[in-house]
């Protein structure tokens, strides 16, 4: 199971990095979201989840669930949602101001064409 989780995290992270390096704003936003999701799953998996274990340490409990990774991931999800909304708004504003959705604000030049 660890290999499957590590492989899935690697694929999601690789897809996120690929999309962040694209030239348009929409794939960049999707890539940032994928990187955020991969980080959340990584933090959640590092918490060593235990099935049926109490979240609070008691004298008779030998195994307990650590609530800290769950709280961190919940906070990261809320912050990631807010940041995604902010980045989408920035992308829409940049599209309105520049007339292009390219991350540099200008379309790449093709051979033989002059810049405006």
PDB file of N, CA and C in Angstrom:
ATOM      1  N   UNK A   1       0.810  -1.190   0.000  1.00  0.00           N
ATOM      2  CA  UNK A   1       0.000   0.000   0.000  1.00  0.00           C
ATOM      3  C   UNK A   1       0.861   1.265   0.000  1.00  0.00           C
ATOM      4  N   UNK A   2       2.007   1.191   0.682  1.00  0.00           N
ATOM      5  CA  UNK A   2       2.884   2.365   0.709  1.00  0.00           C
ATOM      6  C   UNK A   2       3.409   2.694  -0.681  1.00  0.00           C
ATOM      7  N   UNK A   3       3.726   1.651  -1.452  1.00  0.00           N
ATOM      8  CA  UNK A   3       4.223   1.874  -2.812  1.00  0.00           C
ATOM      9  C   UNK A   3       3.151   2.526  -3.681  1.00  0.00           C
ATOM     10  N   UNK A   4       1.908   2.079  -3.529  1.00  0.00           N
ATOM     11  CA  UNK A   4       0.808   2.656  -4.297  1.00  0.00           C
ATOM     12  C   UNK A   4       0.606   4.126  -3.941  1.00  0.00           C
ATOM     13  N   UNK A   5       0.636   4.442  -2.661  1.00  0.00           N
ATOM     14  CA  UNK A   5       0.474   5.834  -2.222  1.00  0.00           C
ATOM     15  C   UNK A   5       1.639   6.701  -2.698  1.00  0.00           C
ATOM     16  N   UNK A   6       2.858   6.183  -2.579  1.00  0.00           N
ATOM     17  CA  UNK A   6       4.032   6.945  -3.029  1.00  0.00           C
ATOM     18  C   UNK A   6       3.987   7.164  -4.536  1.00  0.00           C
ATOM     19  N   UNK A   7       3.573   6.145  -5.278  1.00  0.00           N
ATOM     20  CA  UNK A   7       3.473   6.284  -6.733  1.00  0.00           C
ATOM     21  C   UNK A   7       2.405   7.307  -7.113  1.00  0.00           C
ATOM     22  N   UNK A   8       1.256   7.247  -6.452  1.00  0.00           N
ATOM     23  CA  UNK A   8       0.183   8.202  -6.746  1.00  0.00           C
ATOM     24  C   UNK A   8       0.621   9.626  -6.425  1.00  0.00           C
ATOM     25  N   UNK A   9       1.303   9.807  -5.295  1.00  0.00           N
ATOM     26  CA  UNK A   9       1.802  11.143  -4.953  1.00  0.00           C
ATOM     27  C   UNK A   9       2.821  11.633  -5.968  1.00  0.00           C
ATOM     28  N   UNK A  10       3.679  10.740  -6.432  1.00  0.00           N
ATOM     29  CA  UNK A  10       4.663  11.114  -7.444  1.00  0.00           C
ATOM     30  C   UNK A  10       4.018  11.529  -8.754  1.00  0.00           C
ATOM     31  N   UNK A  11       2.977  10.802  -9.166  1.00  0.00           N
ATOM     32  CA  UNK A  11       2.285  11.131 -10.422  1.00  0.00           C
ATOM     33  C   UNK A  11       1.559  12.468 -10.296  1.00  0.00           C
ATOM     34  N   UNK A  12       0.865  12.683  -9.187  1.00  0.00           N
ATOM     35  CA  UNK A  12       0.139  13.942  -8.999  1.00  0.00           C
ATOM     36  C   UNK A  12       1.119  15.118  -8.926  1.00  0.00           C
ATOM     37  N   UNK A  13       2.241  14.938  -8.240  1.00  0.00           N
ATOM     38  CA  UNK A  13       3.246  15.994  -8.159  1.00  0.00           C
ATOM     39  C   UNK A  13       3.861  16.279  -9.529  1.00  0.00           C
ATOM     40  N   UNK A  14       4.171  15.231 -10.282  1.00  0.00           N
ATOM     41  CA  UNK A  14       4.743  15.423 -11.622  1.00  0.00           C
ATOM     42  C   UNK A  14       3.763  16.132 -12.542  1.00  0.00           C
ATOM     43  N   UNK A  15       2.494  15.762 -12.483  1.00  0.00           N
ATOM     44  CA  UNK A  15       1.484  16.447 -13.298  1.00  0.00           C
ATOM     45  C   UNK A  15       1.350  17.910 -12.884  1.00  0.00           C
ATOM     46  N   UNK A  16       1.403  18.169 -11.580  1.00  0.00           N
ATOM     47  CA  UNK A  16       1.325  19.542 -11.101  1.00  0.00           C
ATOM     48  C   UNK A  16       2.497  20.386 -11.569  1.00  0.00           C
ATOM     49  N   UNK A  17       3.701  19.834 -11.507  1.00  0.00           N
ATOM     50  CA  UNK A  17       4.889  20.574 -11.966  1.00  0.00           C
ATOM     51  C   UNK A  17       4.809  20.821 -13.471  1.00  0.00           C
ATOM     52  N   UNK A  18       4.369  19.814 -14.232  1.00  0.00           N
ATOM     53  CA  UNK A  18       4.232  19.983 -15.680  1.00  0.00           C
ATOM     54  C   UNK A  18       3.244  21.105 -15.997  1.00  0.00           C
ATOM     55  N   UNK A  19       2.114  21.126 -15.306  1.00  0.00           N
ATOM     56  CA  UNK A  19       1.112  22.157 -15.582  1.00  0.00           C
ATOM     57  C   UNK A  19       1.570  23.537 -15.136  1.00  0.00           C
ATOM     58  N   UNK A  20       2.329  23.622 -14.052  1.00  0.00           N
ATOM     59  CA  UNK A  20       2.835  24.922 -13.606  1.00  0.00           C
ATOM     60  C   UNK A  20       3.796  25.509 -14.638  1.00  0.00           C
ATOM     61  N   UNK A  21       4.506  24.668 -15.351  1.00  0.00           N
ATOM     62  CA  UNK A  21       5.478  25.147 -16.332  1.00  0.00           C
ATOM     63  C   UNK A  21       4.868  25.459 -17.698  1.00  0.00           C
ATOM     64  N   UNK A  22       3.561  25.334 -17.836  1.00  0.00           N
ATOM     65  CA  UNK A  22       2.897  25.665 -19.092  1.00  0.00           C
ATOM     66  C   UNK A  22       2.844  27.176 -19.280  1.00  0.00           C
ATOM     67  N   UNK A  23       2.516  27.623 -20.488  1.00  0.00           N
ATOM     68  CA  UNK A  23       2.537  29.050 -20.798  1.00  0.00           C
ATOM     69  C   UNK A  23       1.219  29.776 -20.610  1.00  0.00           C
ATOM     70  N   UNK A  24       0.147  29.058 -20.311  1.00  0.00           N
ATOM     71  CA  UNK A  24      -1.162  29.691 -20.146  1.00  0.00           C
ATOM     72  C   UNK A  24      -1.545  29.729 -18.674  1.00  0.00           C
ATOM     73  N   UNK A  25      -2.439  30.614 -18.309  1.00  0.00           N
ATOM     74  CA  UNK A  25      -2.768  30.780 -16.896  1.00  0.00           C
ATOM     75  C   UNK A  25      -3.637  29.657 -16.345  1.00  0.00           C
ATOM     76  N   UNK A  26      -4.575  29.123 -17.129  1.00  0.00           N
ATOM     77  CA  UNK A  26      -5.457  28.074 -16.611  1.00  0.00           C
ATOM     78  C   UNK A  26      -4.688  26.810 -16.229  1.00  0.00           C
ATOM     79  N   UNK A  27      -3.769  26.304 -17.082  1.00  0.00           N
ATOM     80  CA  UNK A  27      -2.985  25.148 -16.636  1.00  0.00           C
ATOM     81  C   UNK A  27      -2.107  25.443 -15.420  1.00  0.00           C
ATOM     82  N   UNK A  28      -1.635  26.671 -15.292  1.00  0.00           N
ATOM     83  CA  UNK A  28      -0.825  27.029 -14.124  1.00  0.00           C
ATOM     84  C   UNK A  28      -1.670  26.955 -12.852  1.00  0.00           C
ATOM     85  N   UNK A  29      -2.906  27.431 -12.910  1.00  0.00           N
ATOM     86  CA  UNK A  29      -3.795  27.360 -11.752  1.00  0.00           C
ATOM     87  C   UNK A  29      -4.095  25.905 -11.402  1.00  0.00           C
ATOM     88  N   UNK A  30      -4.359  25.072 -12.418  1.00  0.00           N
ATOM     89  CA  UNK A  30      -4.597  23.652 -12.159  1.00  0.00           C
ATOM     90  C   UNK A  30      -3.363  22.979 -11.570  1.00  0.00           C
ATOM     91  N   UNK A  31      -2.185  23.338 -12.061  1.00  0.00           N
ATOM     92  CA  UNK A  31      -0.947  22.770 -11.537  1.00  0.00           C
ATOM     93  C   UNK A  31      -0.712  23.139 -10.090  1.00  0.00           C
ATOM     94  N   UNK A  32      -0.989  24.390  -9.737  1.00  0.00           N
ATOM     95  CA  UNK A  32      -0.849  24.807  -8.339  1.00  0.00           C
ATOM     96  C   UNK A  32      -1.827  24.057  -7.441  1.00  0.00           C
ATOM     97  N   UNK A  33      -3.035  23.835  -7.936  1.00  0.00           N
ATOM     98  CA  UNK A  33      -4.015  23.069  -7.169  1.00  0.00           C
ATOM     99  C   UNK A  33      -3.551  21.624  -6.978  1.00  0.00           C
ATOM    100  N   UNK A  34      -3.030  21.013  -8.034  1.00  0.00           N
ATOM    101  CA  UNK A  34      -2.541  19.637  -7.912  1.00  0.00           C
ATOM    102  C   UNK A  34      -1.376  19.544  -6.937  1.00  0.00           C
ATOM    103  N   UNK A  35      -0.481  20.515  -6.961  1.00  0.00           N
ATOM    104  CA  UNK A  35       0.628  20.508  -6.008  1.00  0.00           C
ATOM    105  C   UNK A  35       0.123  20.654  -4.572  1.00  0.00           C
ATOM    106  N   UNK A  36      -0.897  21.469  -4.391  1.00  0.00           N
ATOM    107  CA  UNK A  36      -1.498  21.611  -3.064  1.00  0.00           C
ATOM    108  C   UNK A  36      -2.149  20.313  -2.599  1.00  0.00           C
ATOM    109  N   UNK A  37      -2.846  19.633  -3.509  1.00  0.00           N
ATOM    110  CA  UNK A  37      -3.476  18.361  -3.157  1.00  0.00           C
ATOM    111  C   UNK A  37      -2.424  17.317  -2.809  1.00  0.00           C
ATOM    112  N   UNK A  38      -1.347  17.287  -3.570  1.00  0.00           N
ATOM    113  CA  UNK A  38      -0.278  16.316  -3.290  1.00  0.00           C
ATOM    114  C   UNK A  38       0.353  16.591  -1.928  1.00  0.00           C
ATOM    115  N   UNK A  39       0.566  17.849  -1.608  1.00  0.00           N
ATOM    116  CA  UNK A  39       1.137  18.185  -0.295  1.00  0.00           C
ATOM    117  C   UNK A  39       0.183  17.796   0.834  1.00  0.00           C
ATOM    118  N   UNK A  40      -1.119  18.002   0.634  1.00  0.00           N
ATOM    119  CA  UNK A  40      -2.096  17.625   1.655  1.00  0.00           C
ATOM    120  C   UNK A  40      -2.119  16.117   1.885  1.00  0.00           C
ATOM    121  N   UNK A  41      -2.117  15.345   0.826  1.00  0.00           N
ATOM    122  CA  UNK A  41      -2.130  13.887   0.970  1.00  0.00           C
ATOM    123  C   UNK A  41      -0.829  13.414   1.617  1.00  0.00           C
ATOM    124  N   UNK A  42       0.281  14.047   1.275  1.00  0.00           N
ATOM    125  CA  UNK A  42       1.557  13.683   1.883  1.00  0.00           C
ATOM    126  C   UNK A  42       1.538  13.941   3.388  1.00  0.00           C
ATOM    127  N   UNK A  43       1.064  15.105   3.797  1.00  0.00           N
ATOM    128  CA  UNK A  43       0.985  15.420   5.229  1.00  0.00           C
ATOM    129  C   UNK A  43       0.038  14.453   5.934  1.00  0.00           C
ATOM    130  N   UNK A  44      -1.093  14.171   5.307  1.00  0.00           N
ATOM    131  CA  UNK A  44      -2.074  13.273   5.900  1.00  0.00           C
ATOM    132  C   UNK A  44      -1.515  11.860   6.045  1.00  0.00           C
ATOM    133  N   UNK A  45      -0.764  11.398   5.047  1.00  0.00           N
ATOM    134  CA  UNK A  45      -0.195  10.052   5.103  1.00  0.00           C
ATOM    135  C   UNK A  45       0.940   9.953   6.118  1.00  0.00           C
ATOM    136  N   UNK A  46       1.630  11.040   6.362  1.00  0.00           N
ATOM    137  CA  UNK A  46       2.720  11.009   7.331  1.00  0.00           C
ATOM    138  C   UNK A  46       2.231  10.936   8.773  1.00  0.00           C
ATOM    139  N   UNK A  47       0.916  11.106   8.979  1.00  0.00           N
ATOM    140  CA  UNK A  47       0.356  11.041  10.315  1.00  0.00           C
ATOM    141  C   UNK A  47       0.187   9.629  10.841  1.00  0.00           C
ATOM    142  N   UNK A  48       0.533   8.616  10.063  1.00  0.00           N
ATOM    143  CA  UNK A  48       0.403   7.210  10.461  1.00  0.00           C
ATOM    144  C   UNK A  48      -0.986   6.953  11.030  1.00  0.00           C
ATOM    145  N   UNK A  49      -1.962   6.958  10.140  1.00  0.00           N
ATOM    146  CA  UNK A  49      -3.343   6.790  10.562  1.00  0.00           C
ATOM    147  C   UNK A  49      -3.575   5.393  11.124  1.00  0.00           C
ATOM    148  N   UNK A  50      -4.349   5.325  12.192  1.00  0.00           N
ATOM    149  CA  UNK A  50      -4.702   4.052  12.811  1.00  0.00           C
ATOM    150  C   UNK A  50      -6.218   3.917  12.786  1.00  0.00           C
ATOM    151  N   UNK A  51      -6.701   2.772  12.333  1.00  0.00           N
ATOM    152  CA  UNK A  51      -8.134   2.543  12.237  1.00  0.00           C
ATOM    153  C   UNK A  51      -8.706   2.196  13.603  1.00  0.00           C
ATOM    154  N   UNK A  52      -9.782   2.863  13.986  1.00  0.00           N
ATOM    155  CA  UNK A  52     -10.457   2.575  15.236  1.00  0.00           C
ATOM    156  C   UNK A  52      -9.716   3.011  16.482  1.00  0.00           C
ATOM    157  N   UNK A  53      -8.696   3.813  16.346  1.00  0.00           N
ATOM    158  CA  UNK A  53      -7.913   4.267  17.499  1.00  0.00           C
ATOM    159  C   UNK A  53      -8.494   5.574  18.032  1.00  0.00           C
ATOM    160  N   UNK A  54      -8.445   5.774  19.331  1.00  0.00           N
ATOM    161  CA  UNK A  54      -8.968   7.025  19.888  1.00  0.00           C
ATOM    162  C   UNK A  54      -8.042   8.194  19.554  1.00  0.00           C
ATOM    163  N   UNK A  55      -8.606   9.402  19.368  1.00  0.00           N
ATOM    164  CA  UNK A  55      -7.779  10.555  19.046  1.00  0.00           C
ATOM    165  C   UNK A  55      -7.072  11.172  20.252  1.00  0.00           C
ATOM    166  N   UNK A  56      -7.411  10.712  21.432  1.00  0.00           N
ATOM    167  CA  UNK A  56      -6.823  11.262  22.652  1.00  0.00           C
ATOM    168  C   UNK A  56      -6.089  10.140  23.388  1.00  0.00           C
ATOM    169  N   UNK A  57      -4.929  10.449  23.928  1.00  0.00           N
ATOM    170  CA  UNK A  57      -4.143   9.446  24.660  1.00  0.00           C
ATOM    171  C   UNK A  57      -4.801   9.181  26.012  1.00  0.00           C
ATOM    172  N   UNK A  58      -5.040   7.916  26.257  1.00  0.00           N
ATOM    173  CA  UNK A  58      -5.551   7.489  27.564  1.00  0.00           C
ATOM    174  C   UNK A  58      -4.575   6.480  28.145  1.00  0.00           C
ATOM    175  N   UNK A  59      -4.611   6.243  29.441  1.00  0.00           N
ATOM    176  CA  UNK A  59      -3.658   5.297  30.040  1.00  0.00           C
ATOM    177  C   UNK A  59      -3.789   3.881  29.489  1.00  0.00           C
ATOM    178  N   UNK A  60      -4.995   3.459  29.095  1.00  0.00           N
ATOM    179  CA  UNK A  60      -5.162   2.091  28.606  1.00  0.00           C
ATOM    180  C   UNK A  60      -4.983   1.966  27.093  1.00  0.00           C
ATOM    181  N   UNK A  61      -4.908   3.073  26.369  1.00  0.00           N
ATOM    182  CA  UNK A  61      -4.746   3.027  24.906  1.00  0.00           C
ATOM    183  C   UNK A  61      -3.278   2.849  24.546  1.00  0.00           C
ATOM    184  N   UNK A  62      -3.004   1.823  23.738  1.00  0.00           N
ATOM    185  CA  UNK A  62      -1.633   1.605  23.275  1.00  0.00           C
ATOM    186  C   UNK A  62      -1.394   2.271  21.928  1.00  0.00           C
ATOM    187  N   UNK A  63      -2.454   2.392  21.134  1.00  0.00           N
ATOM    188  CA  UNK A  63      -2.369   3.035  19.822  1.00  0.00           C
ATOM    189  C   UNK A  63      -3.372   4.184  19.810  1.00  0.00           C
ATOM    190  N   UNK A  64      -2.950   5.316  19.325  1.00  0.00           N
ATOM    191  CA  UNK A  64      -3.854   6.457  19.243  1.00  0.00           C
ATOM    192  C   UNK A  64      -3.658   7.148  17.905  1.00  0.00           C
ATOM    193  N   UNK A  65      -4.694   7.852  17.462  1.00  0.00           N
ATOM    194  CA  UNK A  65      -4.644   8.610  16.215  1.00  0.00           C
ATOM    195  C   UNK A  65      -4.105  10.007  16.526  1.00  0.00           C
ATOM    196  N   UNK A  66      -3.167  10.460  15.719  1.00  0.00           N
ATOM    197  CA  UNK A  66      -2.595  11.791  15.916  1.00  0.00           C
ATOM    198  C   UNK A  66      -3.498  12.820  15.224  1.00  0.00           C
ATOM    199  N   UNK A  67      -4.129  13.731  15.942  1.00  0.00           N
ATOM    200  CA  UNK A  67      -5.033  14.692  15.311  1.00  0.00           C
ATOM    201  C   UNK A  67      -4.315  15.852  14.622  1.00  0.00           C
ATOM    202  N   UNK A  68      -3.025  16.030  14.847  1.00  0.00           N
ATOM    203  CA  UNK A  68      -2.315  17.174  14.279  1.00  0.00           C
ATOM    204  C   UNK A  68      -2.279  17.157  12.753  1.00  0.00           C
ATOM    205  N   UNK A  69      -1.917  16.033  12.086  1.00  0.00           N
ATOM    206  CA  UNK A  69      -1.931  16.059  10.615  1.00  0.00           C
ATOM    207  C   UNK A  69      -3.316  16.342  10.040  1.00  0.00           C
ATOM    208  N   UNK A  70      -4.352  15.833  10.697  1.00  0.00           N
ATOM    209  CA  UNK A  70      -5.704  16.089  10.212  1.00  0.00           C
ATOM    210  C   UNK A  70      -6.044  17.572  10.325  1.00  0.00           C
ATOM    211  N   UNK A  71      -5.651  18.201  11.404  1.00  0.00           N
ATOM    212  CA  UNK A  71      -5.905  19.633  11.576  1.00  0.00           C
ATOM    213  C   UNK A  71      -5.092  20.453  10.573  1.00  0.00           C
ATOM    214  N   UNK A  72      -3.847  20.060  10.345  1.00  0.00           N
ATOM    215  CA  UNK A  72      -3.008  20.769   9.367  1.00  0.00           C
ATOM    216  C   UNK A  72      -3.591  20.674   7.959  1.00  0.00           C
ATOM    217  N   UNK A  73      -4.051  19.483   7.583  1.00  0.00           N
ATOM    218  CA  UNK A  73      -4.611  19.296   6.245  1.00  0.00           C
ATOM    219  C   UNK A  73      -5.914  20.070   6.097  1.00  0.00           C
ATOM    220  N   UNK A  74      -6.747  20.051   7.119  1.00  0.00           N
ATOM    221  CA  UNK A  74      -7.994  20.814   7.048  1.00  0.00           C
ATOM    222  C   UNK A  74      -7.718  22.297   6.876  1.00  0.00           C
ATOM    223  N   UNK A  75      -6.761  22.820   7.612  1.00  0.00           N
ATOM    224  CA  UNK A  75      -6.382  24.222   7.471  1.00  0.00           C
ATOM    225  C   UNK A  75      -5.798  24.494   6.085  1.00  0.00           C
ATOM    226  N   UNK A  76      -4.969  23.576   5.587  1.00  0.00           N
ATOM    227  CA  UNK A  76      -4.361  23.750   4.265  1.00  0.00           C
ATOM    228  C   UNK A  76      -5.403  23.710   3.152  1.00  0.00           C
ATOM    229  N   UNK A  77      -6.448  22.908   3.310  1.00  0.00           N
ATOM    230  CA  UNK A  77      -7.512  22.861   2.310  1.00  0.00           C
ATOM    231  C   UNK A  77      -8.230  24.203   2.235  1.00  0.00           C
ATOM    232  N   UNK A  78      -8.537  24.784   3.376  1.00  0.00           N
ATOM    233  CA  UNK A  78      -9.228  26.078   3.400  1.00  0.00           C
ATOM    234  C   UNK A  78      -8.349  27.173   2.808  1.00  0.00           C
ATOM    235  N   UNK A  79      -7.082  27.205   3.193  1.00  0.00           N
ATOM    236  CA  UNK A  79      -6.166  28.206   2.659  1.00  0.00           C
ATOM    237  C   UNK A  79      -5.948  27.995   1.161  1.00  0.00           C
ATOM    238  N   UNK A  80      -5.813  26.747   0.731  1.00  0.00           N
ATOM    239  CA  UNK A  80      -5.638  26.450  -0.692  1.00  0.00           C
ATOM    240  C   UNK A  80      -6.838  26.870  -1.517  1.00  0.00           C
ATOM    241  N   UNK A  81      -8.045  26.677  -0.995  1.00  0.00           N
ATOM    242  CA  UNK A  81      -9.240  27.110  -1.706  1.00  0.00           C
ATOM    243  C   UNK A  81      -9.262  28.626  -1.858  1.00  0.00           C
ATOM    244  N   UNK A  82      -8.929  29.337  -0.801  1.00  0.00           N
ATOM    245  CA  UNK A  82      -8.891  30.791  -0.875  1.00  0.00           C
ATOM    246  C   UNK A  82      -7.827  31.290  -1.846  1.00  0.00           C
ATOM    247  N   UNK A  83      -6.663  30.665  -1.819  1.00  0.00           N
ATOM    248  CA  UNK A  83      -5.588  31.077  -2.729  1.00  0.00           C
ATOM    249  C   UNK A  83      -5.930  30.748  -4.182  1.00  0.00           C
ATOM    250  N   UNK A  84      -6.616  29.631  -4.409  1.00  0.00           N
ATOM    251  CA  UNK A  84      -7.028  29.298  -5.772  1.00  0.00           C
ATOM    252  C   UNK A  84      -8.000  30.339  -6.303  1.00  0.00           C
ATOM    253  N   UNK A  85      -8.938  30.752  -5.474  1.00  0.00           N
ATOM    254  CA  UNK A  85      -9.862  31.812  -5.888  1.00  0.00           C
ATOM    255  C   UNK A  85      -9.139  33.115  -6.187  1.00  0.00           C
ATOM    256  N   UNK A  86      -8.149  33.441  -5.374  1.00  0.00           N
ATOM    257  CA  UNK A  86      -7.374  34.663  -5.595  1.00  0.00           C
ATOM    258  C   UNK A  86      -6.567  34.588  -6.888  1.00  0.00           C
ATOM    259  N   UNK A  87      -5.941  33.442  -7.153  1.00  0.00           N
ATOM    260  CA  UNK A  87      -5.142  33.288  -8.372  1.00  0.00           C
ATOM    261  C   UNK A  87      -6.036  33.307  -9.618  1.00  0.00           C
ATOM    262  N   UNK A  88      -7.219  32.718  -9.527  1.00  0.00           N
ATOM    263  CA  UNK A  88      -8.152  32.776 -10.658  1.00  0.00           C
ATOM    264  C   UNK A  88      -8.557  34.218 -10.926  1.00  0.00           C
ATOM    265  N   UNK A  89      -8.820  34.977  -9.874  1.00  0.00           N
ATOM    266  CA  UNK A  89      -9.164  36.387 -10.055  1.00  0.00           C
ATOM    267  C   UNK A  89      -7.993  37.163 -10.666  1.00  0.00           C
ATOM    268  N   UNK A  90      -6.768  36.889 -10.232  1.00  0.00           N
ATOM    269  CA  UNK A  90      -5.607  37.538 -10.841  1.00  0.00           C
ATOM    270  C   UNK A  90      -5.476  37.180 -12.321  1.00  0.00           C
ATOM    271  N   UNK A  91      -5.728  35.916 -12.651  1.00  0.00           N
ATOM    272  CA  UNK A  91      -5.636  35.484 -14.047  1.00  0.00           C
ATOM    273  C   UNK A  91      -6.698  36.171 -14.899  1.00  0.00           C
ATOM    274  N   UNK A  92      -7.913  36.281 -14.367  1.00  0.00           N
ATOM    275  CA  UNK A  92      -8.964  36.972 -15.118  1.00  0.00           C
ATOM    276  C   UNK A  92      -8.643  38.448 -15.296  1.00  0.00           C
ATOM    277  N   UNK A  93      -8.092  39.076 -14.263  1.00  0.00           N
ATOM    278  CA  UNK A  93      -7.727  40.492 -14.379  1.00  0.00           C
ATOM    279  C   UNK A  93      -6.598  40.690 -15.394  1.00  0.00           C
ATOM    280  N   UNK A  94      -5.601  39.788 -15.351  1.00  0.00           N
ATOM    281  CA  UNK A  94      -4.502  39.880 -16.317  1.00  0.00           C
ATOM    282  C   UNK A  94      -5.008  39.665 -17.741  1.00  0.00           C
ATOM    283  N   UNK A  95      -5.954  38.773 -17.910  1.00  0.00           N
ATOM    284  CA  UNK A  95      -6.541  38.537 -19.239  1.00  0.00           C
ATOM    285  C   UNK A  95      -7.265  39.787 -19.723  1.00  0.00           C
ATOM    286  N   UNK A  96      -7.970  40.444 -18.820  1.00  0.00           N
ATOM    287  CA  UNK A  96      -8.685  41.658 -19.187  1.00  0.00           C
ATOM    288  C   UNK A  96      -7.717  42.797 -19.514  1.00  0.00           C
ATOM    289  N   UNK A  97      -6.656  42.931 -18.733  1.00  0.00           N
ATOM    290  CA  UNK A  97      -5.715  44.037 -18.927  1.00  0.00           C
ATOM    291  C   UNK A  97      -4.834  43.850 -20.168  1.00  0.00           C
ATOM    292  N   UNK A  98      -4.345  42.623 -20.391  1.00  0.00           N
ATOM    293  CA  UNK A  98      -3.394  42.397 -21.482  1.00  0.00           C
ATOM    294  C   UNK A  98      -4.036  41.854 -22.750  1.00  0.00           C
ATOM    295  N   UNK A  99      -5.233  41.303 -22.640  1.00  0.00           N
ATOM    296  CA  UNK A  99      -5.870  40.726 -23.816  1.00  0.00           C
ATOM    297  C   UNK A  99      -5.344  39.344 -24.160  1.00  0.00           C
ATOM    298  N   UNK A 100      -4.552  38.754 -23.281  1.00  0.00           N
ATOM    299  CA  UNK A 100      -3.974  37.441 -23.527  1.00  0.00           C
ATOM    300  C   UNK A 100      -3.989  36.661 -22.214  1.00  0.00           C
ATOM    301  N   UNK A 101      -4.088  35.334 -22.335  1.00  0.00           N
ATOM    302  CA  UNK A 101      -4.019  34.520 -21.124  1.00  0.00           C
ATOM    303  C   UNK A 101      -2.654  33.864 -20.969  1.00  0.00           C
ATOM    304  N   UNK A 102      -1.666  34.356 -21.684  1.00  0.00           N
ATOM    305  CA  UNK A 102      -0.303  33.857 -21.538  1.00  0.00           C
ATOM    306  C   UNK A 102       0.285  34.418 -20.253  1.00  0.00           C
ATOM    307  N   UNK A 103       1.103  33.618 -19.562  1.00  0.00           N
ATOM    308  CA  UNK A 103       1.616  34.055 -18.263  1.00  0.00           C
ATOM    309  C   UNK A 103       2.526  35.274 -18.368  1.00  0.00           C
ATOM    310  N   UNK A 104       3.143  35.498 -19.504  1.00  0.00           N
ATOM    311  CA  UNK A 104       3.992  36.676 -19.690  1.00  0.00           C
ATOM    312  C   UNK A 104       3.193  37.891 -20.136  1.00  0.00           C
ATOM    313  N   UNK A 105       1.936  37.718 -20.458  1.00  0.00           N
ATOM    314  CA  UNK A 105       1.110  38.829 -20.892  1.00  0.00           C
ATOM    315  C   UNK A 105       1.134  39.058 -22.381  1.00  0.00           C
ATOM    316  N   UNK A 106       1.967  38.347 -23.131  1.00  0.00           N
ATOM    317  CA  UNK A 106       2.039  38.492 -24.580  1.00  0.00           C
ATOM    318  C   UNK A 106       2.138  37.114 -25.209  1.00  0.00           C
ATOM    319  N   UNK A 107       1.550  36.991 -26.369  1.00  0.00           N
ATOM    320  CA  UNK A 107       1.629  35.719 -27.090  1.00  0.00           C
ATOM    321  C   UNK A 107       3.053  35.498 -27.580  1.00  0.00           C
ATOM    322  N   UNK A 108       3.532  34.241 -27.555  1.00  0.00           N
ATOM    323  CA  UNK A 108       4.861  33.986 -28.094  1.00  0.00           C
ATOM    324  C   UNK A 108       4.893  34.252 -29.599  1.00  0.00           C
ATOM    325  N   UNK A 109       6.019  34.791 -30.070  1.00  0.00           N
ATOM    326  CA  UNK A 109       6.148  35.119 -31.486  1.00  0.00           C
ATOM    327  C   UNK A 109       6.471  33.875 -32.291  1.00  0.00           C
ATOM    328  N   UNK A 110       5.883  33.834 -33.464  1.00  0.00           N
ATOM    329  CA  UNK A 110       6.196  32.756 -34.402  1.00  0.00           C
ATOM    330  C   UNK A 110       7.232  33.262 -35.376  1.00  0.00           C
ATOM    331  N   UNK A 111       7.821  32.371 -36.120  1.00  0.00           N
ATOM    332  CA  UNK A 111       8.849  32.755 -37.094  1.00  0.00           C
ATOM    333  C   UNK A 111       8.275  33.702 -38.133  1.00  0.00           C
ATOM    334  N   UNK A 112       8.953  34.803 -38.362  1.00  0.00           N
ATOM    335  CA  UNK A 112       8.558  35.751 -39.395  1.00  0.00           C
ATOM    336  C   UNK A 112       7.564  36.797 -38.944  1.00  0.00           C
ATOM    337  N   UNK A 113       7.044  36.715 -37.721  1.00  0.00           N
ATOM    338  CA  UNK A 113       6.074  37.702 -37.244  1.00  0.00           C
ATOM    339  C   UNK A 113       6.782  38.729 -36.372  1.00  0.00           C
ATOM    340  N   UNK A 114       6.291  39.948 -36.422  1.00  0.00           N
ATOM    341  CA  UNK A 114       6.843  41.000 -35.593  1.00  0.00           C
ATOM    342  C   UNK A 114       5.981  41.190 -34.366  1.00  0.00           C
ATOM    343  N   UNK A 115       6.614  41.659 -33.299  1.00  0.00           N
ATOM    344  CA  UNK A 115       5.882  41.938 -32.067  1.00  0.00           C
ATOM    345  C   UNK A 115       5.105  43.230 -32.211  1.00  0.00           C
ATOM    346  N   UNK A 116       3.956  43.302 -31.584  1.00  0.00           N
ATOM    347  CA  UNK A 116       3.133  44.520 -31.639  1.00  0.00           C
ATOM    348  C   UNK A 116       3.545  45.503 -30.578  1.00  0.00           C
TER     349      UNK A 116
END
